N, C-alpha and C. Protein backbone atom coordinates (compact mmCIF):
# COMPACT_ATOMS: atom_id res chain seq x y z
N UNK A 1 -5.14 29.63 10.50
CA UNK A 1 -5.81 29.44 9.60
C UNK A 1 -6.87 28.16 10.25
N UNK A 2 -8.42 28.31 9.83
CA UNK A 2 -9.27 27.61 10.40
C UNK A 2 -9.17 26.08 9.94
N UNK A 3 -9.47 25.50 10.35
CA UNK A 3 -9.74 23.75 10.03
C UNK A 3 -11.25 23.52 9.69
N UNK A 4 -11.53 23.14 8.75
CA UNK A 4 -13.22 22.79 9.19
C UNK A 4 -13.31 21.19 9.23
N UNK A 5 -14.63 20.99 9.40
CA UNK A 5 -14.66 19.58 9.63
C UNK A 5 -16.06 19.40 9.15
N UNK A 6 -16.44 18.47 8.19
CA UNK A 6 -17.80 18.28 7.40
C UNK A 6 -18.18 16.84 7.85
N UNK A 7 -19.35 16.72 7.52
CA UNK A 7 -19.84 15.20 7.83
C UNK A 7 -20.12 15.13 9.07
N UNK A 8 -19.90 13.84 10.01
CA UNK A 8 -20.19 13.84 11.09
C UNK A 8 -18.96 13.28 11.99
N UNK A 9 -18.43 14.70 12.55
CA UNK A 9 -17.18 14.67 13.19
C UNK A 9 -17.53 13.45 14.65
N UNK A 10 -16.57 12.87 15.14
CA UNK A 10 -16.80 12.43 16.72
C UNK A 10 -16.59 13.39 17.52
N UNK A 11 -17.11 12.49 18.55
CA UNK A 11 -17.28 13.95 20.01
C UNK A 11 -15.97 14.87 19.69
N UNK A 12 -15.17 13.93 20.05
CA UNK A 12 -13.93 14.46 20.27
C UNK A 12 -12.96 15.45 18.74
N UNK A 13 -14.09 15.99 17.98
CA UNK A 13 -13.46 16.36 16.90
C UNK A 13 -13.28 17.92 17.52
N UNK A 14 -13.80 18.96 17.92
CA UNK A 14 -12.65 20.25 18.71
C UNK A 14 -11.59 20.15 19.45
N UNK A 15 -11.01 18.75 19.79
CA UNK A 15 -9.41 18.74 20.01
C UNK A 15 -8.93 18.46 18.98
N UNK A 16 -9.41 17.63 18.21
CA UNK A 16 -8.69 17.20 17.20
C UNK A 16 -8.75 18.64 15.92
N UNK A 17 -9.86 19.44 15.80
CA UNK A 17 -9.49 20.55 15.50
C UNK A 17 -8.29 21.92 15.51
N UNK A 18 -8.57 21.55 16.88
CA UNK A 18 -7.39 22.36 18.00
C UNK A 18 -5.97 21.73 17.73
N UNK A 19 -6.17 20.37 17.74
CA UNK A 19 -4.83 19.80 17.10
C UNK A 19 -3.94 20.25 16.28
N UNK A 20 -5.15 19.91 14.85
CA UNK A 20 -4.85 20.37 13.30
C UNK A 20 -4.49 21.98 13.15
N UNK A 21 -4.74 22.73 14.08
CA UNK A 21 -4.59 24.09 13.78
C UNK A 21 -3.34 24.54 14.46
N UNK A 22 -2.73 24.10 15.36
CA UNK A 22 -1.86 24.43 15.94
C UNK A 22 -0.51 23.64 15.10
N UNK A 23 -0.33 22.44 14.36
CA UNK A 23 0.34 21.91 13.39
C UNK A 23 0.22 21.99 11.99
N UNK A 24 -1.17 23.33 11.55
CA UNK A 24 -1.56 23.20 9.88
C UNK A 24 -0.36 23.76 9.02
N UNK A 25 0.33 24.74 9.92
CA UNK A 25 1.66 25.44 9.20
C UNK A 25 2.58 24.40 8.96
N UNK A 26 3.38 23.51 9.60
CA UNK A 26 4.61 21.90 9.23
C UNK A 26 3.25 20.43 8.50
N UNK A 27 2.08 20.82 9.17
CA UNK A 27 1.21 19.57 7.69
C UNK A 27 1.39 20.47 6.22
N UNK A 28 0.90 21.69 5.92
CA UNK A 28 0.81 22.68 4.95
C UNK A 28 2.40 22.07 4.29
N UNK A 29 3.60 22.87 4.68
CA UNK A 29 5.24 22.71 4.64
C UNK A 29 5.26 21.21 3.55
N UNK A 30 4.90 19.76 4.57
CA UNK A 30 5.10 19.15 4.51
C UNK A 30 4.33 18.73 3.14
N UNK A 31 2.89 19.23 3.06
CA UNK A 31 1.77 18.51 1.64
C UNK A 31 3.04 19.64 0.63
N UNK A 32 3.04 20.84 0.52
CA UNK A 32 4.06 21.32 -0.72
C UNK A 32 5.22 20.72 -0.50
N UNK A 33 6.03 20.03 0.32
CA UNK A 33 7.26 19.43 -0.43
C UNK A 33 6.95 18.05 -1.58
N UNK A 34 6.25 17.90 -0.85
CA UNK A 34 5.64 16.67 -1.51
C UNK A 34 5.04 16.62 -2.52
N UNK A 35 4.16 17.38 -2.69
CA UNK A 35 3.86 18.18 -3.92
C UNK A 35 4.82 18.18 -5.34
N UNK A 36 5.86 19.08 -4.41
CA UNK A 36 7.25 19.58 -5.30
C UNK A 36 8.24 18.08 -5.98
N UNK A 37 8.25 17.41 -4.58
CA UNK A 37 9.29 16.27 -4.74
C UNK A 37 8.75 14.98 -5.56
N UNK A 38 7.37 14.42 -5.51
CA UNK A 38 7.40 13.20 -5.86
C UNK A 38 6.34 13.41 -7.02
N UNK A 39 5.51 15.02 -7.01
CA UNK A 39 4.90 15.05 -8.13
C UNK A 39 5.57 16.10 -9.35
N UNK A 40 6.64 16.60 -9.23
CA UNK A 40 6.94 17.92 -9.87
C UNK A 40 6.34 18.79 -9.85
N UNK A 41 5.37 19.32 -8.79
CA UNK A 41 4.87 20.26 -9.01
C UNK A 41 5.18 21.51 -8.11
N UNK A 42 5.49 22.35 -9.25
CA UNK A 42 6.48 23.75 -8.24
C UNK A 42 5.62 24.83 -8.92
N UNK A 43 5.63 26.09 -7.83
CA UNK A 43 5.13 27.34 -8.09
C UNK A 43 3.81 27.46 -7.47
N UNK A 44 3.51 26.41 -6.77
CA UNK A 44 2.05 26.44 -6.04
C UNK A 44 2.61 26.08 -4.77
N UNK A 45 1.38 26.78 -3.91
CA UNK A 45 0.83 26.11 -2.57
C UNK A 45 -0.17 26.08 -1.55
N UNK A 46 -0.34 25.06 -1.27
CA UNK A 46 -1.71 24.40 -0.52
C UNK A 46 -2.26 25.26 0.13
N UNK A 47 -3.32 26.12 0.59
CA UNK A 47 -4.02 26.97 1.53
C UNK A 47 -4.79 26.59 2.38
N UNK A 48 -5.18 25.54 2.31
CA UNK A 48 -6.00 24.83 3.46
C UNK A 48 -6.57 23.03 3.00
N UNK A 49 -7.04 22.74 4.18
CA UNK A 49 -7.76 21.49 3.46
C UNK A 49 -9.19 21.50 4.33
N UNK A 50 -9.72 20.52 4.34
CA UNK A 50 -11.33 19.75 4.46
C UNK A 50 -10.80 18.74 5.93
N UNK A 51 -11.17 18.37 6.84
CA UNK A 51 -11.15 17.60 7.34
C UNK A 51 -12.79 16.99 7.09
N UNK A 52 -12.26 15.59 6.79
CA UNK A 52 -13.30 14.42 6.51
C UNK A 52 -13.18 13.75 7.44
N UNK A 53 -14.32 12.88 8.09
CA UNK A 53 -14.53 11.30 8.91
C UNK A 53 -13.97 10.46 8.14
N UNK A 54 -13.31 9.09 8.69
CA UNK A 54 -12.68 8.54 7.55
C UNK A 54 -13.48 7.56 7.37
N UNK A 55 -13.84 6.75 6.28
CA UNK A 55 -14.71 5.85 5.86
C UNK A 55 -15.77 6.77 4.92
N UNK A 56 -15.60 8.16 4.89
CA UNK A 56 -16.35 9.07 4.12
C UNK A 56 -16.56 9.41 2.99
N UNK A 57 -16.76 8.49 2.26
CA UNK A 57 -16.37 8.75 0.36
C UNK A 57 -17.24 10.15 0.17
N UNK A 58 -16.72 11.34 -0.03
CA UNK A 58 -17.69 12.20 -0.83
C UNK A 58 -17.67 11.83 -2.14
N UNK A 59 -18.94 12.43 -2.40
CA UNK A 59 -19.37 12.19 -3.77
C UNK A 59 -19.27 13.21 -4.66
N UNK A 60 -19.21 14.44 -4.17
CA UNK A 60 -18.21 15.58 -5.05
C UNK A 60 -17.54 16.37 -4.41
N UNK A 61 -16.31 16.60 -5.12
CA UNK A 61 -15.25 17.69 -4.05
C UNK A 61 -15.56 19.12 -5.12
N UNK A 62 -15.91 19.78 -4.87
CA UNK A 62 -16.08 21.59 -5.39
C UNK A 62 -14.92 22.20 -5.14
N UNK A 63 -14.44 22.66 -5.77
CA UNK A 63 -12.90 23.78 -5.59
C UNK A 63 -13.18 24.94 -6.57
N UNK A 64 -12.84 26.42 -6.03
CA UNK A 64 -13.13 27.43 -6.90
C UNK A 64 -11.48 28.18 -6.31
N UNK A 65 -10.90 29.14 -6.79
CA UNK A 65 -9.82 29.49 -6.68
C UNK A 65 -9.48 29.95 -5.32
N UNK A 66 -10.74 30.07 -4.10
CA UNK A 66 -10.59 30.50 -2.59
C UNK A 66 -10.73 28.82 -1.58
N UNK A 67 -11.37 28.22 -2.05
CA UNK A 67 -11.31 27.08 -0.90
C UNK A 67 -12.24 25.43 -1.84
N UNK A 68 -12.34 24.47 -1.47
CA UNK A 68 -13.02 23.68 -1.85
C UNK A 68 -14.26 22.47 -0.67
N UNK A 69 -14.76 21.91 -1.41
CA UNK A 69 -16.23 21.47 -0.38
C UNK A 69 -16.35 20.55 -0.58
N UNK A 70 -16.94 19.34 0.59
CA UNK A 70 -16.99 18.03 0.05
C UNK A 70 -18.52 17.99 0.39
N UNK A 71 -19.07 17.12 -0.50
CA UNK A 71 -20.53 17.38 -0.69
C UNK A 71 -20.99 15.66 -0.75
């Protein structure tokens, strides 16, 4: 699953993206576990996420059944 970077990613963004893509199955499994155990949400699974530079406050997050985007 590809990792999408938005905003003004740092120069090392390609290395970060590659590292995230390799670890993505474990990251998503961990996130799904948190949803179940801490928030009581079952029967759903995270399908992906968007990487946003730290300190960036998105003005709008728009999601549909396929994806989310930050504007």
